[in-house]
Amino acid sequence: MNIAKFTFNPIAENTYLIWDETGEAAIIDAGNSSPAENRALDNFITEKGLKPVLALGTHGHFDHTMGMPHIKGAYGVPFAVHSDDSFLLENSVPSAAIFGVKVEELPAIDIDLSSLPEISFGNTTLQIIPTPGHTPGHVCFFEPQSRVVFTGDTLFADTIGRTDLPGGDYSWIMKSIIENLLPLGDDVKVYPGHGRDTTIGQEAAGNPFITEVLEG
């Protein structure tokens, strides 16, 4: 599986484009927010000769979904998010305004991830790992062959996602990390929703939020 990372929008969110040998591609957390960012994504897709067939959301916060109007218009792909985050999508415009960011109305969810164990495109299958805590419907996407996981705003390098926003819960996010992410294995590469890449092993050994629980 191939991975391209783009850092988009005023919140510096990581958008990922992933594809395999079939040329089919999925966009994870479409945060593109301007004509220039749209062009950067579109030009990359064109240069690589890719065919986007799926748009995946780890969760419903506006900085991870604000590119969906463009993605829908340009590629017509289904939008897949957990339905427990529908309220965040529905309130994206006023929520973004609080941060001084303007977003368009977001499209409805086409594929509800709440009851799916996995989702596929091309020859690639992503396991859907429930990780509530940052938001009620947060999920991570794990690709076992490449040993990579896209963690959205659940797990970052050296820290974890905020839990003080509507629907957030600290006990949930820690349970999600300890029980659902750490067992994936120390070698698994972590691609987070903000900041630099890391590994499960690095976070298990040095993330202060995790070590406090493991050593407590």
N, C-alpha and C. Protein backbone atom coordinates (compact mmCIF):
# COMPACT_ATOMS: atom_id res chain seq x y z
N MET A 1 0.84 -1.20 0.00
CA MET A 1 0.00 0.00 0.00
C MET A 1 0.87 1.24 0.00
N ASN A 2 0.49 2.22 -0.78
CA ASN A 2 1.22 3.48 -0.88
C ASN A 2 0.49 4.57 -0.10
N ILE A 3 1.26 5.46 0.50
CA ILE A 3 0.68 6.51 1.36
C ILE A 3 1.28 7.86 1.01
N ALA A 4 0.42 8.85 0.80
CA ALA A 4 0.86 10.23 0.63
C ALA A 4 0.19 11.07 1.72
N LYS A 5 0.96 11.93 2.33
CA LYS A 5 0.48 12.77 3.44
C LYS A 5 0.46 14.23 3.02
N PHE A 6 -0.65 14.88 3.30
CA PHE A 6 -0.80 16.31 3.04
C PHE A 6 -1.21 16.98 4.35
N THR A 7 -0.59 18.10 4.67
CA THR A 7 -1.00 18.85 5.86
C THR A 7 -1.79 20.06 5.39
N PHE A 8 -3.08 20.09 5.75
CA PHE A 8 -4.02 21.06 5.20
C PHE A 8 -4.68 21.90 6.28
N ASN A 9 -5.25 22.99 5.87
CA ASN A 9 -6.15 23.90 6.59
C ASN A 9 -5.50 24.61 7.78
N PRO A 10 -6.18 25.62 8.34
CA PRO A 10 -5.59 26.41 9.42
C PRO A 10 -5.30 25.63 10.69
N ILE A 11 -5.87 24.42 10.81
CA ILE A 11 -5.65 23.60 12.02
C ILE A 11 -4.47 22.65 11.80
N ALA A 12 -3.82 22.71 10.65
CA ALA A 12 -2.68 21.84 10.32
C ALA A 12 -3.02 20.37 10.51
N GLU A 13 -4.05 19.96 9.78
CA GLU A 13 -4.55 18.58 9.85
C GLU A 13 -3.90 17.73 8.78
N ASN A 14 -3.64 16.47 9.10
CA ASN A 14 -3.04 15.55 8.14
C ASN A 14 -4.12 14.80 7.36
N THR A 15 -4.10 14.98 6.05
CA THR A 15 -4.96 14.25 5.13
C THR A 15 -4.10 13.19 4.44
N TYR A 16 -4.62 11.97 4.34
CA TYR A 16 -3.85 10.90 3.73
C TYR A 16 -4.55 10.39 2.47
N LEU A 17 -3.76 10.14 1.45
CA LEU A 17 -4.22 9.48 0.24
C LEU A 17 -3.50 8.14 0.18
N ILE A 18 -4.26 7.05 0.11
CA ILE A 18 -3.66 5.73 0.09
C ILE A 18 -4.15 4.99 -1.15
N TRP A 19 -3.26 4.17 -1.72
CA TRP A 19 -3.62 3.44 -2.94
C TRP A 19 -2.77 2.18 -3.06
N ASP A 20 -3.24 1.26 -3.90
CA ASP A 20 -2.49 0.03 -4.12
C ASP A 20 -2.23 -0.16 -5.61
N GLU A 21 -1.80 -1.37 -5.96
CA GLU A 21 -1.38 -1.63 -7.34
C GLU A 21 -2.51 -1.55 -8.36
N THR A 22 -3.75 -1.56 -7.91
CA THR A 22 -4.88 -1.43 -8.83
C THR A 22 -5.08 0.00 -9.31
N GLY A 23 -4.49 0.96 -8.61
CA GLY A 23 -4.70 2.37 -8.92
C GLY A 23 -5.89 2.97 -8.21
N GLU A 24 -6.69 2.12 -7.55
CA GLU A 24 -7.80 2.64 -6.76
C GLU A 24 -7.25 3.26 -5.47
N ALA A 25 -7.90 4.34 -5.03
CA ALA A 25 -7.39 5.10 -3.90
C ALA A 25 -8.50 5.47 -2.93
N ALA A 26 -8.10 5.67 -1.68
CA ALA A 26 -9.01 6.17 -0.66
C ALA A 26 -8.39 7.41 -0.03
N ILE A 27 -9.24 8.36 0.29
CA ILE A 27 -8.81 9.59 0.96
C ILE A 27 -9.25 9.49 2.42
N ILE A 28 -8.31 9.64 3.33
CA ILE A 28 -8.61 9.57 4.76
C ILE A 28 -8.54 10.97 5.35
N ASP A 29 -9.63 11.40 5.96
CA ASP A 29 -9.72 12.70 6.65
C ASP A 29 -9.42 13.86 5.70
N ALA A 30 -10.36 14.10 4.79
CA ALA A 30 -10.19 15.15 3.78
C ALA A 30 -10.27 16.53 4.42
N GLY A 31 -9.11 17.13 4.68
CA GLY A 31 -9.07 18.43 5.34
C GLY A 31 -8.75 19.58 4.41
N ASN A 32 -8.70 19.33 3.11
CA ASN A 32 -8.38 20.40 2.16
C ASN A 32 -9.41 21.52 2.27
N SER A 33 -8.90 22.77 2.33
CA SER A 33 -9.79 23.88 2.69
C SER A 33 -9.68 25.10 1.80
N SER A 34 -8.92 25.00 0.72
CA SER A 34 -8.75 26.16 -0.15
C SER A 34 -8.53 25.69 -1.58
N PRO A 35 -8.69 26.59 -2.57
CA PRO A 35 -8.40 26.19 -3.96
C PRO A 35 -6.98 25.65 -4.13
N ALA A 36 -6.02 26.24 -3.44
CA ALA A 36 -4.64 25.77 -3.57
C ALA A 36 -4.48 24.36 -3.03
N GLU A 37 -5.13 24.08 -1.89
CA GLU A 37 -5.04 22.74 -1.31
C GLU A 37 -5.79 21.73 -2.17
N ASN A 38 -6.92 22.15 -2.72
CA ASN A 38 -7.65 21.26 -3.63
C ASN A 38 -6.78 20.89 -4.83
N ARG A 39 -6.10 21.89 -5.38
CA ARG A 39 -5.24 21.63 -6.54
C ARG A 39 -4.09 20.70 -6.19
N ALA A 40 -3.52 20.89 -5.01
CA ALA A 40 -2.40 20.04 -4.59
C ALA A 40 -2.83 18.58 -4.55
N LEU A 41 -4.00 18.33 -4.01
CA LEU A 41 -4.52 16.97 -3.93
C LEU A 41 -4.88 16.44 -5.32
N ASP A 42 -5.62 17.25 -6.07
CA ASP A 42 -6.05 16.83 -7.41
C ASP A 42 -4.86 16.58 -8.34
N ASN A 43 -3.87 17.45 -8.28
CA ASN A 43 -2.70 17.29 -9.16
C ASN A 43 -1.94 16.01 -8.83
N PHE A 44 -1.83 15.71 -7.55
CA PHE A 44 -1.14 14.48 -7.15
C PHE A 44 -1.89 13.26 -7.68
N ILE A 45 -3.21 13.28 -7.54
CA ILE A 45 -4.04 12.17 -8.02
C ILE A 45 -3.88 11.99 -9.53
N THR A 46 -3.88 13.11 -10.25
CA THR A 46 -3.73 13.06 -11.70
C THR A 46 -2.35 12.56 -12.11
N GLU A 47 -1.31 13.08 -11.46
CA GLU A 47 0.07 12.70 -11.80
C GLU A 47 0.32 11.22 -11.57
N LYS A 48 -0.30 10.67 -10.54
CA LYS A 48 -0.12 9.25 -10.21
C LYS A 48 -1.08 8.35 -10.98
N GLY A 49 -2.03 8.97 -11.69
CA GLY A 49 -3.00 8.18 -12.43
C GLY A 49 -3.94 7.38 -11.54
N LEU A 50 -4.33 7.96 -10.42
CA LEU A 50 -5.15 7.24 -9.44
C LEU A 50 -6.63 7.46 -9.66
N LYS A 51 -7.41 6.53 -9.13
CA LYS A 51 -8.87 6.62 -9.19
C LYS A 51 -9.42 6.59 -7.77
N PRO A 52 -9.74 7.74 -7.17
CA PRO A 52 -10.35 7.74 -5.84
C PRO A 52 -11.72 7.05 -5.87
N VAL A 53 -11.94 6.14 -4.95
CA VAL A 53 -13.21 5.40 -4.89
C VAL A 53 -13.87 5.48 -3.52
N LEU A 54 -13.20 6.11 -2.54
CA LEU A 54 -13.71 6.09 -1.18
C LEU A 54 -13.13 7.27 -0.39
N ALA A 55 -13.96 7.90 0.44
CA ALA A 55 -13.49 8.93 1.37
C ALA A 55 -13.84 8.48 2.78
N LEU A 56 -12.82 8.31 3.61
CA LEU A 56 -12.98 7.79 4.96
C LEU A 56 -12.74 8.89 5.98
N GLY A 57 -13.55 8.91 7.03
CA GLY A 57 -13.34 9.84 8.13
C GLY A 57 -13.08 9.09 9.42
N THR A 58 -11.97 9.43 10.10
CA THR A 58 -11.75 8.83 11.41
C THR A 58 -12.78 9.35 12.42
N HIS A 59 -13.22 10.61 12.18
CA HIS A 59 -14.24 11.20 13.06
C HIS A 59 -14.84 12.42 12.36
N GLY A 60 -15.78 13.08 13.03
CA GLY A 60 -16.57 14.10 12.37
C GLY A 60 -16.15 15.54 12.56
N HIS A 61 -15.03 15.83 13.20
CA HIS A 61 -14.63 17.22 13.40
C HIS A 61 -14.35 17.91 12.06
N PHE A 62 -14.66 19.20 12.01
CA PHE A 62 -14.63 19.94 10.74
C PHE A 62 -13.27 19.94 10.07
N ASP A 63 -12.19 19.97 10.85
CA ASP A 63 -10.87 20.06 10.24
C ASP A 63 -10.48 18.76 9.52
N HIS A 64 -11.20 17.68 9.81
CA HIS A 64 -10.94 16.40 9.16
C HIS A 64 -11.94 16.09 8.05
N THR A 65 -12.93 16.96 7.87
CA THR A 65 -14.00 16.68 6.92
C THR A 65 -14.30 17.84 5.97
N MET A 66 -13.68 18.99 6.18
CA MET A 66 -14.06 20.18 5.44
C MET A 66 -13.73 20.10 3.95
N GLY A 67 -12.92 19.13 3.56
CA GLY A 67 -12.62 18.96 2.14
C GLY A 67 -13.65 18.13 1.39
N MET A 68 -14.64 17.59 2.11
CA MET A 68 -15.59 16.67 1.48
C MET A 68 -16.44 17.30 0.38
N PRO A 69 -16.88 18.56 0.50
CA PRO A 69 -17.62 19.13 -0.63
C PRO A 69 -16.83 19.09 -1.93
N HIS A 70 -15.53 19.39 -1.86
CA HIS A 70 -14.70 19.30 -3.07
C HIS A 70 -14.52 17.86 -3.51
N ILE A 71 -14.25 16.97 -2.58
CA ILE A 71 -14.03 15.56 -2.91
C ILE A 71 -15.27 14.97 -3.58
N LYS A 72 -16.42 15.28 -3.01
CA LYS A 72 -17.67 14.79 -3.58
C LYS A 72 -17.89 15.34 -5.00
N GLY A 73 -17.64 16.63 -5.15
CA GLY A 73 -17.85 17.25 -6.45
C GLY A 73 -16.89 16.76 -7.50
N ALA A 74 -15.65 16.52 -7.11
CA ALA A 74 -14.62 16.14 -8.07
C ALA A 74 -14.64 14.65 -8.41
N TYR A 75 -14.98 13.82 -7.42
CA TYR A 75 -14.82 12.37 -7.61
C TYR A 75 -16.08 11.56 -7.35
N GLY A 76 -17.07 12.14 -6.70
CA GLY A 76 -18.33 11.45 -6.46
C GLY A 76 -18.22 10.20 -5.62
N VAL A 77 -17.25 10.15 -4.74
CA VAL A 77 -17.02 8.94 -3.95
C VAL A 77 -17.91 8.91 -2.71
N PRO A 78 -18.22 7.72 -2.18
CA PRO A 78 -18.99 7.64 -0.94
C PRO A 78 -18.18 8.12 0.25
N PHE A 79 -18.88 8.73 1.19
CA PHE A 79 -18.31 9.31 2.41
C PHE A 79 -18.62 8.34 3.56
N ALA A 80 -17.58 7.80 4.18
CA ALA A 80 -17.74 6.79 5.20
C ALA A 80 -17.27 7.30 6.56
N VAL A 81 -18.20 7.39 7.51
CA VAL A 81 -17.93 7.87 8.87
C VAL A 81 -18.86 7.12 9.83
N HIS A 82 -18.48 7.03 11.08
CA HIS A 82 -19.32 6.43 12.11
C HIS A 82 -20.49 7.36 12.41
N SER A 83 -21.69 6.80 12.44
CA SER A 83 -22.89 7.62 12.62
C SER A 83 -22.98 8.31 13.98
N ASP A 84 -22.23 7.84 14.97
CA ASP A 84 -22.25 8.52 16.27
C ASP A 84 -21.65 9.92 16.20
N ASP A 85 -20.97 10.21 15.11
CA ASP A 85 -20.39 11.56 14.91
C ASP A 85 -21.24 12.41 13.96
N SER A 86 -22.45 11.96 13.67
CA SER A 86 -23.32 12.74 12.78
C SER A 86 -23.57 14.14 13.31
N PHE A 87 -23.70 14.27 14.63
CA PHE A 87 -23.99 15.59 15.21
C PHE A 87 -22.86 16.57 14.96
N LEU A 88 -21.64 16.07 14.86
CA LEU A 88 -20.50 16.94 14.58
C LEU A 88 -20.53 17.42 13.13
N LEU A 89 -20.88 16.53 12.22
CA LEU A 89 -21.00 16.92 10.82
C LEU A 89 -22.10 17.95 10.63
N GLU A 90 -23.22 17.74 11.32
CA GLU A 90 -24.36 18.64 11.19
C GLU A 90 -24.08 20.02 11.76
N ASN A 91 -23.16 20.10 12.72
CA ASN A 91 -22.84 21.37 13.36
C ASN A 91 -21.47 21.91 12.95
N SER A 92 -20.98 21.45 11.81
CA SER A 92 -19.62 21.82 11.41
C SER A 92 -19.47 23.31 11.14
N VAL A 93 -20.48 23.94 10.55
CA VAL A 93 -20.35 25.36 10.20
C VAL A 93 -20.19 26.23 11.45
N PRO A 94 -21.09 26.14 12.45
CA PRO A 94 -20.89 26.96 13.65
C PRO A 94 -19.67 26.53 14.46
N SER A 95 -19.37 25.24 14.45
CA SER A 95 -18.20 24.77 15.20
C SER A 95 -16.92 25.37 14.62
N ALA A 96 -16.82 25.38 13.30
CA ALA A 96 -15.63 25.94 12.66
C ALA A 96 -15.54 27.44 12.89
N ALA A 97 -16.69 28.11 12.90
CA ALA A 97 -16.71 29.56 13.10
C ALA A 97 -16.12 29.95 14.44
N ILE A 98 -16.28 29.10 15.45
CA ILE A 98 -15.69 29.36 16.78
C ILE A 98 -14.18 29.48 16.67
N PHE A 99 -13.59 28.72 15.75
CA PHE A 99 -12.14 28.73 15.56
C PHE A 99 -11.72 29.71 14.45
N GLY A 100 -12.68 30.50 13.96
CA GLY A 100 -12.39 31.46 12.91
C GLY A 100 -12.18 30.84 11.56
N VAL A 101 -12.77 29.66 11.35
CA VAL A 101 -12.61 28.94 10.09
C VAL A 101 -13.97 28.84 9.40
N LYS A 102 -13.99 29.10 8.10
CA LYS A 102 -15.22 29.00 7.33
C LYS A 102 -15.25 27.68 6.59
N VAL A 103 -16.35 26.92 6.74
CA VAL A 103 -16.51 25.67 6.01
C VAL A 103 -17.87 25.64 5.33
N GLU A 104 -17.97 24.85 4.27
CA GLU A 104 -19.24 24.63 3.60
C GLU A 104 -20.04 23.57 4.34
N GLU A 105 -21.34 23.51 4.06
CA GLU A 105 -22.15 22.43 4.60
C GLU A 105 -21.57 21.10 4.11
N LEU A 106 -21.49 20.14 5.02
CA LEU A 106 -20.89 18.86 4.67
C LEU A 106 -21.93 17.88 4.13
N PRO A 107 -21.50 16.98 3.26
CA PRO A 107 -22.44 15.98 2.73
C PRO A 107 -22.84 14.98 3.81
N ALA A 108 -23.94 14.29 3.58
CA ALA A 108 -24.40 13.27 4.51
C ALA A 108 -23.49 12.04 4.45
N ILE A 109 -23.55 11.24 5.48
CA ILE A 109 -22.79 9.99 5.51
C ILE A 109 -23.41 9.00 4.52
N ASP A 110 -22.58 8.44 3.65
CA ASP A 110 -23.04 7.42 2.71
C ASP A 110 -22.86 6.01 3.27
N ILE A 111 -21.76 5.80 3.99
CA ILE A 111 -21.46 4.49 4.57
C ILE A 111 -21.25 4.68 6.07
N ASP A 112 -22.11 4.05 6.86
CA ASP A 112 -22.01 4.13 8.32
C ASP A 112 -21.03 3.07 8.80
N LEU A 113 -19.94 3.51 9.42
CA LEU A 113 -18.91 2.60 9.87
C LEU A 113 -19.23 1.92 11.20
N SER A 114 -20.35 2.27 11.81
CA SER A 114 -20.65 1.79 13.16
C SER A 114 -20.78 0.28 13.26
N SER A 115 -21.19 -0.38 12.19
CA SER A 115 -21.40 -1.82 12.26
C SER A 115 -20.47 -2.61 11.32
N LEU A 116 -19.48 -1.93 10.76
CA LEU A 116 -18.58 -2.60 9.82
C LEU A 116 -17.25 -2.96 10.49
N PRO A 117 -16.81 -4.22 10.36
CA PRO A 117 -15.51 -4.59 10.90
C PRO A 117 -14.35 -4.18 9.99
N GLU A 118 -14.64 -3.97 8.69
CA GLU A 118 -13.60 -3.61 7.75
C GLU A 118 -14.23 -2.94 6.53
N ILE A 119 -13.37 -2.31 5.74
CA ILE A 119 -13.83 -1.68 4.51
C ILE A 119 -12.71 -1.82 3.47
N SER A 120 -13.09 -2.02 2.20
CA SER A 120 -12.11 -2.36 1.18
C SER A 120 -12.18 -1.45 -0.03
N PHE A 121 -11.05 -1.35 -0.72
CA PHE A 121 -10.97 -0.72 -2.04
C PHE A 121 -9.82 -1.40 -2.77
N GLY A 122 -9.92 -1.53 -4.10
CA GLY A 122 -8.87 -2.22 -4.84
C GLY A 122 -8.62 -3.59 -4.23
N ASN A 123 -7.34 -3.87 -3.95
CA ASN A 123 -6.95 -5.11 -3.28
C ASN A 123 -6.63 -4.89 -1.81
N THR A 124 -7.05 -3.76 -1.27
CA THR A 124 -6.71 -3.37 0.10
C THR A 124 -7.93 -3.45 1.00
N THR A 125 -7.72 -4.03 2.17
CA THR A 125 -8.77 -4.08 3.20
C THR A 125 -8.26 -3.41 4.46
N LEU A 126 -9.02 -2.44 4.95
CA LEU A 126 -8.69 -1.75 6.20
C LEU A 126 -9.59 -2.26 7.31
N GLN A 127 -9.00 -2.65 8.41
CA GLN A 127 -9.77 -3.02 9.58
C GLN A 127 -10.23 -1.74 10.29
N ILE A 128 -11.49 -1.72 10.70
CA ILE A 128 -12.06 -0.56 11.39
C ILE A 128 -12.00 -0.81 12.88
N ILE A 129 -11.23 0.00 13.58
CA ILE A 129 -11.02 -0.18 15.02
C ILE A 129 -11.76 0.92 15.77
N PRO A 130 -12.79 0.59 16.55
CA PRO A 130 -13.48 1.62 17.33
C PRO A 130 -12.55 2.23 18.39
N THR A 131 -12.47 3.54 18.40
CA THR A 131 -11.63 4.23 19.40
C THR A 131 -12.35 5.47 19.93
N PRO A 132 -13.52 5.30 20.56
CA PRO A 132 -14.21 6.47 21.11
C PRO A 132 -13.40 7.14 22.19
N GLY A 133 -13.65 8.42 22.37
CA GLY A 133 -12.95 9.18 23.41
C GLY A 133 -12.72 10.61 22.97
N HIS A 134 -12.05 10.79 21.84
CA HIS A 134 -11.94 12.15 21.29
C HIS A 134 -13.31 12.61 20.81
N THR A 135 -14.00 11.69 20.15
CA THR A 135 -15.41 11.85 19.80
C THR A 135 -16.10 10.51 20.04
N PRO A 136 -17.43 10.49 20.14
CA PRO A 136 -18.12 9.22 20.40
C PRO A 136 -17.96 8.18 19.29
N GLY A 137 -17.86 8.65 18.04
CA GLY A 137 -17.79 7.73 16.92
C GLY A 137 -16.42 7.59 16.29
N HIS A 138 -15.39 7.97 17.00
CA HIS A 138 -14.04 7.92 16.43
C HIS A 138 -13.64 6.48 16.12
N VAL A 139 -13.01 6.30 14.95
CA VAL A 139 -12.45 5.00 14.58
C VAL A 139 -11.04 5.21 14.05
N CYS A 140 -10.26 4.12 14.06
CA CYS A 140 -8.96 4.11 13.42
C CYS A 140 -8.98 3.07 12.31
N PHE A 141 -8.09 3.22 11.33
CA PHE A 141 -8.03 2.31 10.20
C PHE A 141 -6.68 1.60 10.19
N PHE A 142 -6.72 0.28 10.29
CA PHE A 142 -5.51 -0.54 10.37
C PHE A 142 -5.37 -1.40 9.12
N GLU A 143 -4.19 -1.32 8.50
CA GLU A 143 -3.90 -2.15 7.33
C GLU A 143 -2.85 -3.19 7.75
N PRO A 144 -3.26 -4.43 7.98
CA PRO A 144 -2.36 -5.42 8.59
C PRO A 144 -1.18 -5.83 7.72
N GLN A 145 -1.33 -5.80 6.39
CA GLN A 145 -0.23 -6.21 5.53
C GLN A 145 0.94 -5.22 5.59
N SER A 146 0.61 -3.94 5.54
CA SER A 146 1.65 -2.91 5.61
C SER A 146 2.01 -2.55 7.04
N ARG A 147 1.22 -3.01 8.00
CA ARG A 147 1.45 -2.73 9.43
C ARG A 147 1.41 -1.23 9.71
N VAL A 148 0.32 -0.60 9.25
CA VAL A 148 0.14 0.83 9.49
C VAL A 148 -1.26 1.07 10.04
N VAL A 149 -1.39 2.10 10.87
CA VAL A 149 -2.69 2.47 11.42
C VAL A 149 -2.84 3.99 11.33
N PHE A 150 -4.01 4.40 10.88
CA PHE A 150 -4.34 5.83 10.80
C PHE A 150 -5.20 6.15 12.02
N THR A 151 -4.65 6.96 12.92
CA THR A 151 -5.25 7.12 14.25
C THR A 151 -6.07 8.39 14.43
N GLY A 152 -6.19 9.22 13.37
CA GLY A 152 -6.99 10.42 13.54
C GLY A 152 -6.53 11.23 14.73
N ASP A 153 -7.48 11.60 15.59
CA ASP A 153 -7.13 12.38 16.77
C ASP A 153 -7.21 11.57 18.06
N THR A 154 -7.03 10.25 17.95
CA THR A 154 -6.96 9.43 19.15
C THR A 154 -5.55 9.41 19.71
N LEU A 155 -4.57 9.10 18.86
CA LEU A 155 -3.19 8.95 19.32
C LEU A 155 -2.26 9.74 18.42
N PHE A 156 -1.42 10.57 19.07
CA PHE A 156 -0.39 11.35 18.39
C PHE A 156 0.98 10.95 18.92
N ALA A 157 2.03 11.47 18.30
CA ALA A 157 3.37 11.31 18.84
C ALA A 157 3.46 12.07 20.16
N ASP A 158 3.69 11.35 21.23
CA ASP A 158 3.92 11.90 22.57
C ASP A 158 2.68 12.45 23.27
N THR A 159 1.50 12.31 22.68
CA THR A 159 0.32 12.82 23.35
C THR A 159 -0.92 12.11 22.82
N ILE A 160 -2.09 12.55 23.25
CA ILE A 160 -3.36 11.97 22.83
C ILE A 160 -4.30 13.09 22.40
N GLY A 161 -5.45 12.72 21.86
CA GLY A 161 -6.41 13.71 21.41
C GLY A 161 -7.12 14.41 22.56
N ARG A 162 -7.63 15.59 22.27
CA ARG A 162 -8.40 16.34 23.25
C ARG A 162 -9.67 15.58 23.64
N THR A 163 -10.07 15.75 24.88
CA THR A 163 -11.32 15.13 25.33
C THR A 163 -12.24 16.16 25.99
N ASP A 164 -11.93 17.44 25.78
CA ASP A 164 -12.73 18.51 26.40
C ASP A 164 -13.73 19.12 25.42
N LEU A 165 -13.85 18.55 24.23
CA LEU A 165 -14.82 19.03 23.26
C LEU A 165 -16.10 18.19 23.37
N PRO A 166 -17.23 18.67 22.79
CA PRO A 166 -18.49 17.93 22.92
C PRO A 166 -18.36 16.47 22.50
N GLY A 167 -18.78 15.58 23.39
CA GLY A 167 -18.72 14.15 23.13
C GLY A 167 -17.42 13.50 23.53
N GLY A 168 -16.46 14.28 24.02
CA GLY A 168 -15.17 13.73 24.42
C GLY A 168 -15.22 13.10 25.80
N ASP A 169 -14.34 12.13 26.03
CA ASP A 169 -14.30 11.45 27.32
C ASP A 169 -12.91 10.87 27.53
N TYR A 170 -12.21 11.33 28.56
CA TYR A 170 -10.84 10.90 28.81
C TYR A 170 -10.75 9.40 29.10
N SER A 171 -11.65 8.89 29.91
CA SER A 171 -11.59 7.46 30.25
C SER A 171 -11.80 6.60 29.00
N TRP A 172 -12.65 7.07 28.11
CA TRP A 172 -12.89 6.32 26.87
C TRP A 172 -11.65 6.30 25.98
N ILE A 173 -11.02 7.46 25.82
CA ILE A 173 -9.88 7.51 24.90
C ILE A 173 -8.73 6.65 25.41
N MET A 174 -8.50 6.66 26.71
CA MET A 174 -7.43 5.84 27.27
C MET A 174 -7.76 4.36 27.14
N LYS A 175 -9.01 3.99 27.35
CA LYS A 175 -9.42 2.60 27.16
C LYS A 175 -9.23 2.19 25.71
N SER A 176 -9.58 3.08 24.79
CA SER A 176 -9.42 2.80 23.37
C SER A 176 -7.96 2.55 23.01
N ILE A 177 -7.09 3.39 23.53
CA ILE A 177 -5.66 3.27 23.22
C ILE A 177 -5.07 2.00 23.82
N ILE A 178 -5.33 1.79 25.11
CA ILE A 178 -4.73 0.64 25.81
C ILE A 178 -5.27 -0.68 25.29
N GLU A 179 -6.57 -0.76 25.06
CA GLU A 179 -7.19 -2.04 24.70
C GLU A 179 -7.27 -2.29 23.19
N ASN A 180 -7.35 -1.23 22.40
CA ASN A 180 -7.59 -1.43 20.96
C ASN A 180 -6.41 -1.08 20.06
N LEU A 181 -5.52 -0.21 20.53
CA LEU A 181 -4.39 0.18 19.68
C LEU A 181 -3.08 -0.48 20.08
N LEU A 182 -2.74 -0.49 21.35
CA LEU A 182 -1.47 -1.10 21.77
C LEU A 182 -1.34 -2.56 21.35
N PRO A 183 -2.42 -3.35 21.40
CA PRO A 183 -2.29 -4.76 20.99
C PRO A 183 -1.96 -4.97 19.52
N LEU A 184 -2.04 -3.93 18.70
CA LEU A 184 -1.69 -4.08 17.29
C LEU A 184 -0.23 -4.46 17.11
N GLY A 185 0.63 -4.07 18.05
CA GLY A 185 2.03 -4.43 17.99
C GLY A 185 2.97 -3.25 17.93
N ASP A 186 4.12 -3.37 18.59
CA ASP A 186 5.07 -2.27 18.68
C ASP A 186 5.58 -1.79 17.32
N ASP A 187 5.61 -2.68 16.34
CA ASP A 187 6.18 -2.33 15.04
C ASP A 187 5.22 -1.54 14.16
N VAL A 188 3.98 -1.42 14.55
CA VAL A 188 2.98 -0.77 13.70
C VAL A 188 3.26 0.73 13.59
N LYS A 189 3.29 1.22 12.35
CA LYS A 189 3.52 2.64 12.08
C LYS A 189 2.21 3.41 12.31
N VAL A 190 2.30 4.51 13.02
CA VAL A 190 1.14 5.33 13.35
C VAL A 190 1.15 6.59 12.50
N TYR A 191 0.07 6.79 11.75
CA TYR A 191 -0.13 8.01 10.98
C TYR A 191 -1.27 8.80 11.64
N PRO A 192 -0.93 9.83 12.41
CA PRO A 192 -1.94 10.57 13.17
C PRO A 192 -2.59 11.71 12.39
N GLY A 193 -3.64 12.26 12.97
CA GLY A 193 -4.38 13.34 12.34
C GLY A 193 -3.70 14.69 12.40
N HIS A 194 -2.68 14.82 13.25
CA HIS A 194 -1.89 16.05 13.35
C HIS A 194 -0.47 15.63 13.73
N GLY A 195 0.49 16.39 13.28
CA GLY A 195 1.86 16.16 13.71
C GLY A 195 2.57 15.03 12.98
N ARG A 196 3.69 14.60 13.56
CA ARG A 196 4.58 13.64 12.90
C ARG A 196 4.13 12.19 13.11
N ASP A 197 4.67 11.33 12.26
CA ASP A 197 4.41 9.90 12.37
C ASP A 197 5.15 9.33 13.58
N THR A 198 4.69 8.17 14.04
CA THR A 198 5.33 7.51 15.16
C THR A 198 5.07 6.01 15.03
N THR A 199 5.30 5.26 16.10
CA THR A 199 4.96 3.83 16.10
C THR A 199 4.25 3.51 17.41
N ILE A 200 3.55 2.40 17.40
CA ILE A 200 2.89 1.95 18.62
C ILE A 200 3.93 1.72 19.72
N GLY A 201 5.06 1.13 19.37
CA GLY A 201 6.10 0.86 20.36
C GLY A 201 6.66 2.11 20.99
N GLN A 202 6.90 3.14 20.17
CA GLN A 202 7.41 4.40 20.71
C GLN A 202 6.43 5.02 21.68
N GLU A 203 5.15 4.95 21.36
CA GLU A 203 4.14 5.56 22.23
C GLU A 203 3.93 4.73 23.49
N ALA A 204 3.99 3.43 23.39
CA ALA A 204 3.85 2.57 24.57
C ALA A 204 4.99 2.82 25.56
N ALA A 205 6.17 3.15 25.02
CA ALA A 205 7.34 3.33 25.87
C ALA A 205 7.51 4.75 26.37
N GLY A 206 7.04 5.76 25.59
CA GLY A 206 7.38 7.13 25.94
C GLY A 206 6.26 8.14 26.00
N ASN A 207 5.05 7.75 25.60
CA ASN A 207 3.92 8.69 25.67
C ASN A 207 3.49 8.80 27.13
N PRO A 208 3.58 9.98 27.74
CA PRO A 208 3.31 10.10 29.19
C PRO A 208 1.89 9.70 29.58
N PHE A 209 0.93 9.90 28.71
CA PHE A 209 -0.44 9.51 29.04
C PHE A 209 -0.56 7.98 29.12
N ILE A 210 0.17 7.30 28.25
CA ILE A 210 0.10 5.85 28.22
C ILE A 210 0.95 5.23 29.33
N THR A 211 2.16 5.73 29.52
CA THR A 211 3.03 5.16 30.55
C THR A 211 2.45 5.35 31.94
N GLU A 212 1.71 6.43 32.15
CA GLU A 212 1.08 6.64 33.45
C GLU A 212 0.09 5.53 33.76
N VAL A 213 -0.64 5.09 32.73
CA VAL A 213 -1.62 4.02 32.92
C VAL A 213 -0.91 2.68 33.08
N LEU A 214 0.06 2.42 32.21
CA LEU A 214 0.73 1.12 32.22
C LEU A 214 1.56 0.91 33.48
N GLU A 215 2.10 1.99 34.00
CA GLU A 215 2.98 1.88 35.18
C GLU A 215 2.22 2.16 36.48
N GLY A 216 0.95 2.59 36.36
CA GLY A 216 0.19 2.97 37.55
C GLY A 216 -0.27 1.79 38.39
